C-alpha atoms as a PDB file:
ATOM      1  CA  MET A   1       0.000   0.000   0.000  1.00  0.00           C
ATOM      2  CA  SER A   2       1.254   3.472  -0.876  1.00  0.00           C
ATOM      3  CA  THR A   3       2.331   5.785   1.933  1.00  0.00           C
ATOM      4  CA  VAL A   4       2.850   9.544   2.063  1.00  0.00           C
ATOM      5  CA  THR A   5       5.884  11.116   3.763  1.00  0.00           C
ATOM      6  CA  THR A   6       5.891  14.766   4.832  1.00  0.00           C
ATOM      7  CA  ILE A   7       9.039  16.874   5.017  1.00  0.00           C
ATOM      8  CA  SER A   8       9.093  20.435   6.339  1.00  0.00           C
ATOM      9  CA  LYS A   9      11.292  23.292   7.407  1.00  0.00           C
ATOM     10  CA  GLY A  10      10.089  26.677   8.532  1.00  0.00           C
ATOM     11  CA  GLY A  11       6.892  27.483   6.690  1.00  0.00           C
ATOM     12  CA  LEU A  12       7.566  25.195   3.722  1.00  0.00           C
ATOM     13  CA  SER A  13       6.254  21.632   3.584  1.00  0.00           C
ATOM     14  CA  ALA A  14       6.193  18.923   0.944  1.00  0.00           C
ATOM     15  CA  LYS A  15       4.427  15.580   0.786  1.00  0.00           C
ATOM     16  CA  ILE A  16       5.653  12.676  -1.321  1.00  0.00           C
ATOM     17  CA  SER A  17       3.832   9.446  -2.156  1.00  0.00           C
ATOM     18  CA  SER A  18       5.660   6.130  -2.321  1.00  0.00           C
ATOM     19  CA  MET A  19       3.694   5.394  -5.515  1.00  0.00           C
ATOM     20  CA  GLY A  20       6.019   6.767  -8.139  1.00  0.00           C
ATOM     21  CA  ALA A  21       7.963   8.791  -5.526  1.00  0.00           C
ATOM     22  CA  GLU A  22       5.604  11.539  -6.648  1.00  0.00           C
ATOM     23  CA  LEU A  23       5.418  14.957  -5.033  1.00  0.00           C
ATOM     24  CA  VAL A  24       1.779  15.439  -4.009  1.00  0.00           C
ATOM     25  CA  SER A  25       1.905  18.710  -2.051  1.00  0.00           C
ATOM     26  CA  LEU A  26       4.088  21.805  -1.916  1.00  0.00           C
ATOM     27  CA  ALA A  27       2.778  24.394   0.522  1.00  0.00           C
ATOM     28  CA  LEU A  28       4.156  27.589   2.026  1.00  0.00           C
ATOM     29  CA  ASP A  29       2.500  28.826   5.229  1.00  0.00           C
ATOM     30  CA  GLY A  30      -0.436  26.567   4.473  1.00  0.00           C
ATOM     31  CA  ARG A  31      -0.927  27.821   0.899  1.00  0.00           C
ATOM     32  CA  GLU A  32      -0.936  24.951  -1.598  1.00  0.00           C
ATOM     33  CA  TYR A  33       1.031  25.637  -4.779  1.00  0.00           C
ATOM     34  CA  LEU A  34       1.023  22.138  -6.295  1.00  0.00           C
ATOM     35  CA  TRP A  35      -1.852  20.965  -8.489  1.00  0.00           C
ATOM     36  CA  GLN A  36      -4.052  18.577  -6.516  1.00  0.00           C
ATOM     37  CA  ALA A  37      -4.778  16.011  -9.228  1.00  0.00           C
ATOM     38  CA  ASP A  38      -8.453  16.667  -9.930  1.00  0.00           C
ATOM     39  CA  PRO A  39      -9.241  13.821 -12.366  1.00  0.00           C
ATOM     40  CA  ALA A  40     -11.708  16.048 -14.198  1.00  0.00           C
ATOM     41  CA  PHE A  41      -8.623  17.696 -15.727  1.00  0.00           C
ATOM     42  CA  TRP A  42      -5.525  15.572 -14.960  1.00  0.00           C
ATOM     43  CA  GLY A  43      -5.261  13.037 -12.175  1.00  0.00           C
ATOM     44  CA  LYS A  44      -1.564  13.473 -11.409  1.00  0.00           C
ATOM     45  CA  HIS A  45       0.509  15.960  -9.417  1.00  0.00           C
ATOM     46  CA  ALA A  46       4.175  15.647 -10.442  1.00  0.00           C
ATOM     47  CA  PRO A  47       5.143  12.279 -11.951  1.00  0.00           C
ATOM     48  CA  VAL A  48       8.760  11.094 -12.047  1.00  0.00           C
ATOM     49  CA  LEU A  49       9.817  10.336 -15.628  1.00  0.00           C
ATOM     50  CA  PHE A  50      12.263   7.426 -16.079  1.00  0.00           C
ATOM     51  CA  PRO A  51      13.760   5.658 -18.047  1.00  0.00           C
ATOM     52  CA  ILE A  52      12.171   7.611 -20.903  1.00  0.00           C
ATOM     53  CA  VAL A  53      10.648  11.046 -21.253  1.00  0.00           C
ATOM     54  CA  GLY A  54       7.648  11.336 -23.529  1.00  0.00           C
ATOM     55  CA  SER A  55       6.567   8.641 -25.955  1.00  0.00           C
ATOM     56  CA  LEU A  56       8.174   5.881 -27.944  1.00  0.00           C
ATOM     57  CA  ARG A  57       6.749   5.161 -31.385  1.00  0.00           C
ATOM     58  CA  GLY A  58       3.958   2.686 -30.757  1.00  0.00           C
ATOM     59  CA  GLU A  59       5.237   2.405 -27.142  1.00  0.00           C
ATOM     60  CA  ARG A  60       8.048   0.193 -28.414  1.00  0.00           C
ATOM     61  CA  ALA A  61      11.765   0.447 -29.140  1.00  0.00           C
ATOM     62  CA  GLU A  62      14.693  -1.826 -29.795  1.00  0.00           C
ATOM     63  CA  SER A  63      17.802  -1.689 -27.653  1.00  0.00           C
ATOM     64  CA  ALA A  64      21.158  -3.409 -27.296  1.00  0.00           C
ATOM     65  CA  GLN A  65      19.516  -5.706 -24.741  1.00  0.00           C
ATOM     66  CA  GLY A  66      16.355  -6.435 -26.687  1.00  0.00           C
ATOM     67  CA  PRO A  67      12.844  -5.015 -27.096  1.00  0.00           C
ATOM     68  CA  CYS A  68      11.473  -2.288 -24.802  1.00  0.00           C
ATOM     69  CA  HIS A  69       7.751  -1.818 -24.213  1.00  0.00           C
ATOM     70  CA  MET A  70       6.827   1.322 -22.268  1.00  0.00           C
ATOM     71  CA  GLY A  71       4.010   3.823 -22.223  1.00  0.00           C
ATOM     72  CA  ARG A  72       4.540   7.565 -22.112  1.00  0.00           C
ATOM     73  CA  HIS A  73       7.128   8.664 -19.530  1.00  0.00           C
ATOM     74  CA  GLY A  74       8.258   5.161 -18.611  1.00  0.00           C
ATOM     75  CA  LEU A  75       8.155   3.023 -15.482  1.00  0.00           C
ATOM     76  CA  ALA A  76       9.027   5.039 -12.370  1.00  0.00           C
ATOM     77  CA  ARG A  77       5.680   6.800 -12.164  1.00  0.00           C
ATOM     78  CA  ILE A  78       3.661   3.560 -12.096  1.00  0.00           C
ATOM     79  CA  ASN A  79       5.683   1.626  -9.516  1.00  0.00           C
ATOM     80  CA  GLU A  80       6.138   1.731  -5.758  1.00  0.00           C
ATOM     81  CA  HIS A  81       9.353   3.265  -4.409  1.00  0.00           C
ATOM     82  CA  ARG A  82      10.624   2.483  -0.935  1.00  0.00           C
ATOM     83  CA  VAL A  83      11.763   5.108   1.548  1.00  0.00           C
ATOM     84  CA  LEU A  84      15.521   4.739   1.810  1.00  0.00           C
ATOM     85  CA  GLU A  85      16.288   7.588   4.217  1.00  0.00           C
ATOM     86  CA  LEU A  86      14.475  10.351   6.088  1.00  0.00           C
ATOM     87  CA  SER A  87      16.800  13.021   7.459  1.00  0.00           C
ATOM     88  CA  GLU A  88      16.962  13.630  11.196  1.00  0.00           C
ATOM     89  CA  ASP A  89      15.689  17.170  10.801  1.00  0.00           C
ATOM     90  CA  GLY A  90      12.741  16.010   8.690  1.00  0.00           C
ATOM     91  CA  ALA A  91      13.661  18.299   5.806  1.00  0.00           C
ATOM     92  CA  SER A  92      14.642  15.680   3.208  1.00  0.00           C
ATOM     93  CA  VAL A  93      13.687  12.179   2.125  1.00  0.00           C
ATOM     94  CA  THR A  94      15.197   9.728  -0.366  1.00  0.00           C
ATOM     95  CA  TYR A  95      13.323   6.974  -2.190  1.00  0.00           C
ATOM     96  CA  GLU A  96      14.704   3.964  -4.037  1.00  0.00           C
ATOM     97  CA  PHE A  97      13.378   2.125  -7.106  1.00  0.00           C
ATOM     98  CA  THR A  98      15.231  -0.836  -8.599  1.00  0.00           C
ATOM     99  CA  ASP A  99      14.604  -3.233 -11.441  1.00  0.00           C
ATOM    100  CA  THR A 100      12.250  -6.148 -10.931  1.00  0.00           C
ATOM    101  CA  PRO A 101      11.247  -9.111 -13.114  1.00  0.00           C
ATOM    102  CA  GLU A 102       8.330  -6.967 -14.313  1.00  0.00           C
ATOM    103  CA  THR A 103      10.444  -3.945 -15.238  1.00  0.00           C
ATOM    104  CA  LEU A 104      12.961  -6.163 -17.024  1.00  0.00           C
ATOM    105  CA  GLU A 105      10.161  -7.363 -19.306  1.00  0.00           C
ATOM    106  CA  ALA A 106       9.525  -3.748 -20.314  1.00  0.00           C
ATOM    107  CA  TYR A 107      13.050  -2.353 -20.098  1.00  0.00           C
ATOM    108  CA  PRO A 108      15.740  -5.060 -20.094  1.00  0.00           C
ATOM    109  CA  TYR A 109      18.291  -3.242 -17.939  1.00  0.00           C
ATOM    110  CA  HIS A 110      19.394  -3.398 -14.307  1.00  0.00           C
ATOM    111  CA  PHE A 111      19.259  -0.026 -12.570  1.00  0.00           C
ATOM    112  CA  LYS A 112      18.743   1.861  -9.335  1.00  0.00           C
ATOM    113  CA  LEU A 113      16.897   5.169  -9.204  1.00  0.00           C
ATOM    114  CA  ASN A 114      17.070   7.242  -6.038  1.00  0.00           C
ATOM    115  CA  MET A 115      14.717  10.219  -5.754  1.00  0.00           C
ATOM    116  CA  THR A 116      15.621  12.821  -3.132  1.00  0.00           C
ATOM    117  CA  TYR A 117      13.413  15.706  -2.083  1.00  0.00           C
ATOM    118  CA  ALA A 118      15.098  18.311   0.116  1.00  0.00           C
ATOM    119  CA  ILE A 119      14.026  21.688   1.435  1.00  0.00           C
ATOM    120  CA  THR A 120      17.035  23.869   0.693  1.00  0.00           C
ATOM    121  CA  GLY A 121      15.697  27.366   1.408  1.00  0.00           C
ATOM    122  CA  GLU A 122      12.856  29.244   3.038  1.00  0.00           C
ATOM    123  CA  ALA A 123      10.645  28.618   0.008  1.00  0.00           C
ATOM    124  CA  THR A 124      12.682  26.155  -2.098  1.00  0.00           C
ATOM    125  CA  LEU A 125      12.340  22.413  -2.661  1.00  0.00           C
ATOM    126  CA  ALA A 126      15.055  20.566  -4.607  1.00  0.00           C
ATOM    127  CA  GLN A 127      14.297  17.333  -6.456  1.00  0.00           C
ATOM    128  CA  THR A 128      17.281  15.117  -7.326  1.00  0.00           C
ATOM    129  CA  PHE A 129      17.344  12.059  -9.586  1.00  0.00           C
ATOM    130  CA  THR A 130      20.314   9.723  -9.047  1.00  0.00           C
ATOM    131  CA  VAL A 131      20.564   6.903 -11.565  1.00  0.00           C
ATOM    132  CA  ALA A 132      22.996   4.012 -11.092  1.00  0.00           C
ATOM    133  CA  ASN A 133      23.852   1.249 -13.535  1.00  0.00           C
ATOM    134  CA  THR A 134      23.745  -1.971 -11.511  1.00  0.00           C
ATOM    135  CA  GLY A 135      24.118  -4.227 -14.536  1.00  0.00           C
ATOM    136  CA  ASP A 136      27.023  -5.327 -16.715  1.00  0.00           C
ATOM    137  CA  VAL A 137      26.102  -3.493 -19.938  1.00  0.00           C
ATOM    138  CA  ASP A 138      25.712   0.209 -20.756  1.00  0.00           C
ATOM    139  CA  LEU A 139      22.473   1.741 -19.446  1.00  0.00           C
ATOM    140  CA  PRO A 140      20.543   4.124 -21.767  1.00  0.00           C
ATOM    141  CA  PHE A 141      17.973   6.408 -20.124  1.00  0.00           C
ATOM    142  CA  SER A 142      16.398   9.818 -19.728  1.00  0.00           C
ATOM    143  CA  VAL A 143      14.917  11.449 -16.636  1.00  0.00           C
ATOM    144  CA  GLY A 144      12.463  14.255 -16.133  1.00  0.00           C
ATOM    145  CA  GLY A 145      10.188  16.015 -13.704  1.00  0.00           C
ATOM    146  CA  HIS A 146       6.542  16.903 -14.283  1.00  0.00           C
ATOM    147  CA  PRO A 147       5.330  19.181 -11.436  1.00  0.00           C
ATOM    148  CA  ALA A 148       2.098  21.030 -12.110  1.00  0.00           C
ATOM    149  CA  PHE A 149       1.264  24.235 -10.257  1.00  0.00           C
ATOM    150  CA  ASN A 150      -2.023  25.860  -9.383  1.00  0.00           C
ATOM    151  CA  VAL A 151      -2.942  28.742 -11.677  1.00  0.00           C
ATOM    152  CA  PRO A 152      -4.020  31.112 -10.301  1.00  0.00           C
ATOM    153  CA  ALA A 153      -1.516  30.697  -7.464  1.00  0.00           C
ATOM    154  CA  PRO A 154      -2.842  30.747  -3.889  1.00  0.00           C
ATOM    155  CA  GLY A 155      -3.405  34.193  -2.460  1.00  0.00           C
ATOM    156  CA  SER A 156      -3.487  35.840  -5.893  1.00  0.00           C
ATOM    157  CA  GLY A 157      -6.897  37.440  -5.522  1.00  0.00           C
ATOM    158  CA  ASP A 158      -8.949  37.871  -8.684  1.00  0.00           C
ATOM    159  CA  GLU A 159      -6.258  36.790 -11.150  1.00  0.00           C
ATOM    160  CA  ALA A 160      -7.261  34.585 -14.071  1.00  0.00           C
ATOM    161  CA  PHE A 161      -5.341  31.959 -16.052  1.00  0.00           C
ATOM    162  CA  ASP A 162      -4.533  34.480 -18.788  1.00  0.00           C
ATOM    163  CA  ASP A 163      -2.972  36.860 -16.251  1.00  0.00           C
ATOM    164  CA  TYR A 164       0.060  34.552 -15.964  1.00  0.00           C
ATOM    165  CA  VAL A 165       3.314  34.658 -17.885  1.00  0.00           C
ATOM    166  CA  ILE A 166       6.553  32.702 -18.093  1.00  0.00           C
ATOM    167  CA  GLU A 167       9.496  35.001 -17.353  1.00  0.00           C
ATOM    168  CA  PHE A 168      13.037  34.391 -18.633  1.00  0.00           C
ATOM    169  CA  ARG A 169      16.302  35.914 -17.458  1.00  0.00           C
ATOM    170  CA  GLU A 170      16.804  37.745 -20.738  1.00  0.00           C
ATOM    171  CA  PRO A 171      15.186  38.214 -24.145  1.00  0.00           C
ATOM    172  CA  TRP A 172      15.696  35.263 -26.465  1.00  0.00           C
ATOM    173  CA  THR A 173      14.166  33.364 -29.399  1.00  0.00           C
ATOM    174  CA  CYS A 174      13.242  29.680 -29.434  1.00  0.00           C
ATOM    175  CA  THR A 175      11.822  27.455 -32.143  1.00  0.00           C
ATOM    176  CA  ALA A 176       9.938  24.451 -30.771  1.00  0.00           C
ATOM    177  CA  PRO A 177       8.916  21.189 -32.437  1.00  0.00           C
ATOM    178  CA  CYS A 178       5.263  20.239 -32.539  1.00  0.00           C
ATOM    179  CA  ILE A 179       3.750  17.079 -31.122  1.00  0.00           C
ATOM    180  CA  ALA A 180       2.616  14.663 -33.819  1.00  0.00           C
ATOM    181  CA  ASP A 181       0.457  11.547 -33.720  1.00  0.00           C
ATOM    182  CA  GLY A 182       1.356   9.122 -30.962  1.00  0.00           C
ATOM    183  CA  GLY A 183       3.058  11.820 -28.879  1.00  0.00           C
ATOM    184  CA  LEU A 184       6.160  11.978 -31.105  1.00  0.00           C
ATOM    185  CA  LEU A 185       7.970  15.246 -31.795  1.00  0.00           C
ATOM    186  CA  THR A 186       8.324  16.650 -35.289  1.00  0.00           C
ATOM    187  CA  TYR A 187      10.473  19.464 -36.609  1.00  0.00           C
ATOM    188  CA  ASP A 188       8.504  19.264 -39.874  1.00  0.00           C
ATOM    189  CA  MET A 189       6.091  21.530 -38.005  1.00  0.00           C
ATOM    190  CA  THR A 190       7.448  24.108 -35.590  1.00  0.00           C
ATOM    191  CA  THR A 191       6.308  27.072 -33.565  1.00  0.00           C
ATOM    192  CA  THR A 192       8.198  30.084 -32.272  1.00  0.00           C
ATOM    193  CA  PRO A 193       6.711  30.536 -28.799  1.00  0.00           C
ATOM    194  CA  VAL A 194       9.395  33.036 -27.783  1.00  0.00           C
ATOM    195  CA  GLU A 195      10.752  35.622 -30.228  1.00  0.00           C
ATOM    196  CA  ASN A 196      13.213  38.194 -28.890  1.00  0.00           C
ATOM    197  CA  ALA A 197      11.256  38.369 -25.633  1.00  0.00           C
ATOM    198  CA  ASP A 198      11.806  37.771 -21.940  1.00  0.00           C
ATOM    199  CA  THR A 199       8.205  36.716 -21.289  1.00  0.00           C
ATOM    200  CA  LEU A 200       5.823  34.134 -22.716  1.00  0.00           C
ATOM    201  CA  PRO A 201       2.137  34.841 -22.044  1.00  0.00           C
ATOM    202  CA  ILE A 202       0.131  31.887 -20.753  1.00  0.00           C
ATOM    203  CA  SER A 203      -3.072  31.230 -22.675  1.00  0.00           C
ATOM    204  CA  ARG A 204      -5.312  28.315 -23.594  1.00  0.00           C
ATOM    205  CA  GLU A 205      -4.170  28.665 -27.202  1.00  0.00           C
ATOM    206  CA  LEU A 206      -0.550  28.040 -26.166  1.00  0.00           C
ATOM    207  CA  PHE A 207      -1.468  24.427 -25.365  1.00  0.00           C
ATOM    208  CA  ALA A 208      -3.754  23.782 -28.326  1.00  0.00           C
ATOM    209  CA  HIS A 209      -1.296  21.156 -29.620  1.00  0.00           C
ATOM    210  CA  ASP A 210      -0.232  19.702 -26.236  1.00  0.00           C
ATOM    211  CA  ALA A 211       3.026  20.707 -24.530  1.00  0.00           C
ATOM    212  CA  VAL A 212       5.535  23.347 -25.626  1.00  0.00           C
ATOM    213  CA  MET A 213       9.156  22.172 -25.441  1.00  0.00           C
ATOM    214  CA  LEU A 214      11.843  24.807 -24.900  1.00  0.00           C
ATOM    215  CA  THR A 215      15.533  24.051 -25.453  1.00  0.00           C
ATOM    216  CA  ASP A 216      18.576  25.744 -23.876  1.00  0.00           C
ATOM    217  CA  VAL A 217      16.598  28.297 -21.859  1.00  0.00           C
ATOM    218  CA  PRO A 218      18.846  31.204 -20.771  1.00  0.00           C
ATOM    219  CA  GLY A 219      20.342  30.424 -17.385  1.00  0.00           C
ATOM    220  CA  ASN A 220      18.259  27.242 -17.160  1.00  0.00           C
ATOM    221  CA  THR A 221      15.640  29.039 -15.134  1.00  0.00           C
ATOM    222  CA  LEU A 222      12.103  30.294 -15.684  1.00  0.00           C
ATOM    223  CA  THR A 223       9.360  31.774 -13.537  1.00  0.00           C
ATOM    224  CA  LEU A 224       5.612  31.236 -13.759  1.00  0.00           C
ATOM    225  CA  ARG A 225       4.132  34.402 -12.277  1.00  0.00           C
ATOM    226  CA  GLY A 226       0.868  36.289 -12.040  1.00  0.00           C
ATOM    227  CA  THR A 227       1.176  39.752 -13.549  1.00  0.00           C
ATOM    228  CA  LYS A 228      -1.085  41.288 -10.900  1.00  0.00           C
ATOM    229  CA  SER A 229      -0.098  39.471  -7.713  1.00  0.00           C
ATOM    230  CA  GLY A 230       3.513  38.513  -8.452  1.00  0.00           C
ATOM    231  CA  ARG A 231       2.753  35.070  -7.018  1.00  0.00           C
ATOM    232  CA  GLY A 232       3.840  31.847  -8.649  1.00  0.00           C
ATOM    233  CA  VAL A 233       6.878  29.589  -8.787  1.00  0.00           C
ATOM    234  CA  ARG A 234      10.428  29.707 -10.151  1.00  0.00           C
ATOM    235  CA  VAL A 235      12.036  26.550 -11.518  1.00  0.00           C
ATOM    236  CA  ASP A 236      15.832  26.312 -11.764  1.00  0.00           C
ATOM    237  CA  PHE A 237      17.048  23.328 -13.787  1.00  0.00           C
ATOM    238  CA  PRO A 238      20.834  23.520 -14.333  1.00  0.00           C
ATOM    239  CA  ASP A 239      21.167  19.804 -15.133  1.00  0.00           C
ATOM    240  CA  PHE A 240      18.425  19.690 -17.778  1.00  0.00           C
ATOM    241  CA  ARG A 241      18.615  20.866 -21.397  1.00  0.00           C
ATOM    242  CA  TYR A 242      14.875  20.870 -22.040  1.00  0.00           C
ATOM    243  CA  ILE A 243      11.757  22.030 -20.254  1.00  0.00           C
ATOM    244  CA  GLY A 244       8.186  21.277 -21.228  1.00  0.00           C
ATOM    245  CA  ILE A 245       5.328  23.668 -20.461  1.00  0.00           C
ATOM    246  CA  TRP A 246       1.863  22.121 -20.469  1.00  0.00           C
ATOM    247  CA  SER A 247      -1.715  22.411 -19.358  1.00  0.00           C
ATOM    248  CA  ALA A 248      -4.632  20.122 -20.103  1.00  0.00           C
ATOM    249  CA  GLN A 249      -7.295  21.210 -22.552  1.00  0.00           C
ATOM    250  CA  GLY A 250     -10.432  22.880 -21.266  1.00  0.00           C
ATOM    251  CA  GLU A 251     -10.467  25.159 -18.265  1.00  0.00           C
ATOM    252  CA  SER A 252      -7.737  23.304 -16.364  1.00  0.00           C
ATOM    253  CA  PRO A 253      -6.430  25.513 -13.517  1.00  0.00           C
ATOM    254  CA  PHE A 254      -2.775  24.468 -13.622  1.00  0.00           C
ATOM    255  CA  VAL A 255       0.444  24.746 -15.614  1.00  0.00           C
ATOM    256  CA  ALA A 256       3.108  22.025 -15.551  1.00  0.00           C
ATOM    257  CA  LEU A 257       6.792  22.958 -15.786  1.00  0.00           C
ATOM    258  CA  GLU A 258       8.758  19.850 -16.765  1.00  0.00           C
ATOM    259  CA  PRO A 259      12.585  19.734 -16.786  1.00  0.00           C
ATOM    260  CA  TRP A 260      13.807  16.930 -19.069  1.00  0.00           C
ATOM    261  CA  THR A 261      17.220  15.517 -19.978  1.00  0.00           C
ATOM    262  CA  GLY A 262      15.712  14.045 -23.151  1.00  0.00           C
ATOM    263  CA  HIS A 263      12.373  13.983 -24.932  1.00  0.00           C
ATOM    264  CA  ALA A 264       9.913  11.922 -26.947  1.00  0.00           C
ATOM    265  CA  THR A 265      11.040  10.087 -30.056  1.00  0.00           C
ATOM    266  CA  LEU A 266      11.390  12.380 -33.065  1.00  0.00           C
ATOM    267  CA  THR A 267       9.475  11.426 -36.202  1.00  0.00           C
ATOM    268  CA  SER A 268      12.855  11.629 -37.991  1.00  0.00           C
ATOM    269  CA  GLU A 269      14.509   9.100 -35.617  1.00  0.00           C
ATOM    270  CA  ASP A 270      14.582   5.335 -35.822  1.00  0.00           C
ATOM    271  CA  ASP A 271      13.274   3.144 -33.018  1.00  0.00           C
ATOM    272  CA  VAL A 272      16.549   2.205 -31.329  1.00  0.00           C
ATOM    273  CA  LEU A 273      16.668   3.467 -27.753  1.00  0.00           C
ATOM    274  CA  GLU A 274      20.394   4.215 -27.863  1.00  0.00           C
ATOM    275  CA  HIS A 275      19.860   6.397 -30.961  1.00  0.00           C
ATOM    276  CA  LYS A 276      17.421   8.826 -29.326  1.00  0.00           C
ATOM    277  CA  ARG A 277      18.591  12.433 -29.243  1.00  0.00           C
ATOM    278  CA  ASP A 278      20.294  13.281 -25.924  1.00  0.00           C
ATOM    279  CA  ILE A 279      19.825   9.812 -24.448  1.00  0.00           C
ATOM    280  CA  ALA A 280      22.191   9.433 -21.508  1.00  0.00           C
ATOM    281  CA  THR A 281      24.383   6.358 -21.097  1.00  0.00           C
ATOM    282  CA  LEU A 282      26.042   4.999 -17.968  1.00  0.00           C
ATOM    283  CA  ALA A 283      28.719   2.338 -17.997  1.00  0.00           C
ATOM    284  CA  PRO A 284      28.411  -0.551 -15.520  1.00  0.00           C
ATOM    285  CA  GLY A 285      28.957   0.706 -11.975  1.00  0.00           C
ATOM    286  CA  GLN A 286      28.545   4.361 -12.903  1.00  0.00           C
ATOM    287  CA  SER A 287      25.940   6.763 -11.516  1.00  0.00           C
ATOM    288  CA  ALA A 288      24.778  10.281 -12.359  1.00  0.00           C
ATOM    289  CA  SER A 289      22.643  12.878 -10.589  1.00  0.00           C
ATOM    290  CA  TYR A 290      20.320  15.576 -11.929  1.00  0.00           C
ATOM    291  CA  THR A 291      18.693  18.271  -9.797  1.00  0.00           C
ATOM    292  CA  PHE A 292      16.066  20.928 -10.306  1.00  0.00           C
ATOM    293  CA  SER A 293      14.473  23.174  -7.709  1.00  0.00           C
ATOM    294  CA  MET A 294      11.083  24.806  -7.199  1.00  0.00           C
ATOM    295  CA  THR A 295      10.852  28.117  -5.340  1.00  0.00           C
ATOM    296  CA  VAL A 296       7.376  29.357  -4.492  1.00  0.00           C
ATOM    297  CA  LEU A 297       6.776  33.098  -4.680  1.00  0.00           C
END
């Protein structure tokens, strides 16, 4: 049975479920910033993405170890993780997820994934993915976060969804691929969500074709903020090249900010896992860590 662990420090608290090692609450002084998984819109809070981000073509790929069969965003989000360590001060917790006979059927590699959540500032929660290769062949993988935040943010008064913007450190221009059938990415169709600007207005139209993927964001940081209240959240993702921005269709009152090391299969790619753009590889015995942080405003 899944359990929920609470960590806290000062006025900031976070709750994490053992199912998927998923963040299910992020509150400052009792104000809830994390989307609360209303199934009428989207029944998740902040899934952990591993060993793939996004979709494989037909949910299948070949690999050096044989066939892989995984739905969108992989295996971590749909499996139990065990609590490995809770800090003495109650401000951090680490979970562990390792391969099983069932995961090996879907992804024929031996691995260990540790997920650490740590309160590192008065209003900041850091989320760290540590992947270890416990097998005897190279391990191909991607990792990603998927936290969704309430929009409007708590305490923002009469703000509406369209009163929110994404702020960047400096003006820049980005061309983004579109999402094609089956959740694949295609550069045959592109959009330019940001053109010589330091803000990206949030609107329903922005998500008409699913998520928007940004690449090489200046300073690897962005802020989702209400233009009237100034409330929202900043995400710093120094270890991630990509970030997805997404909200469900309809009147969904949230925006997800998703740091990724990789992304869905491109329509121009083949179906070999090791050939995916920006797939990471660990040699036997190696490990690697990736951290992003969420600061509520």
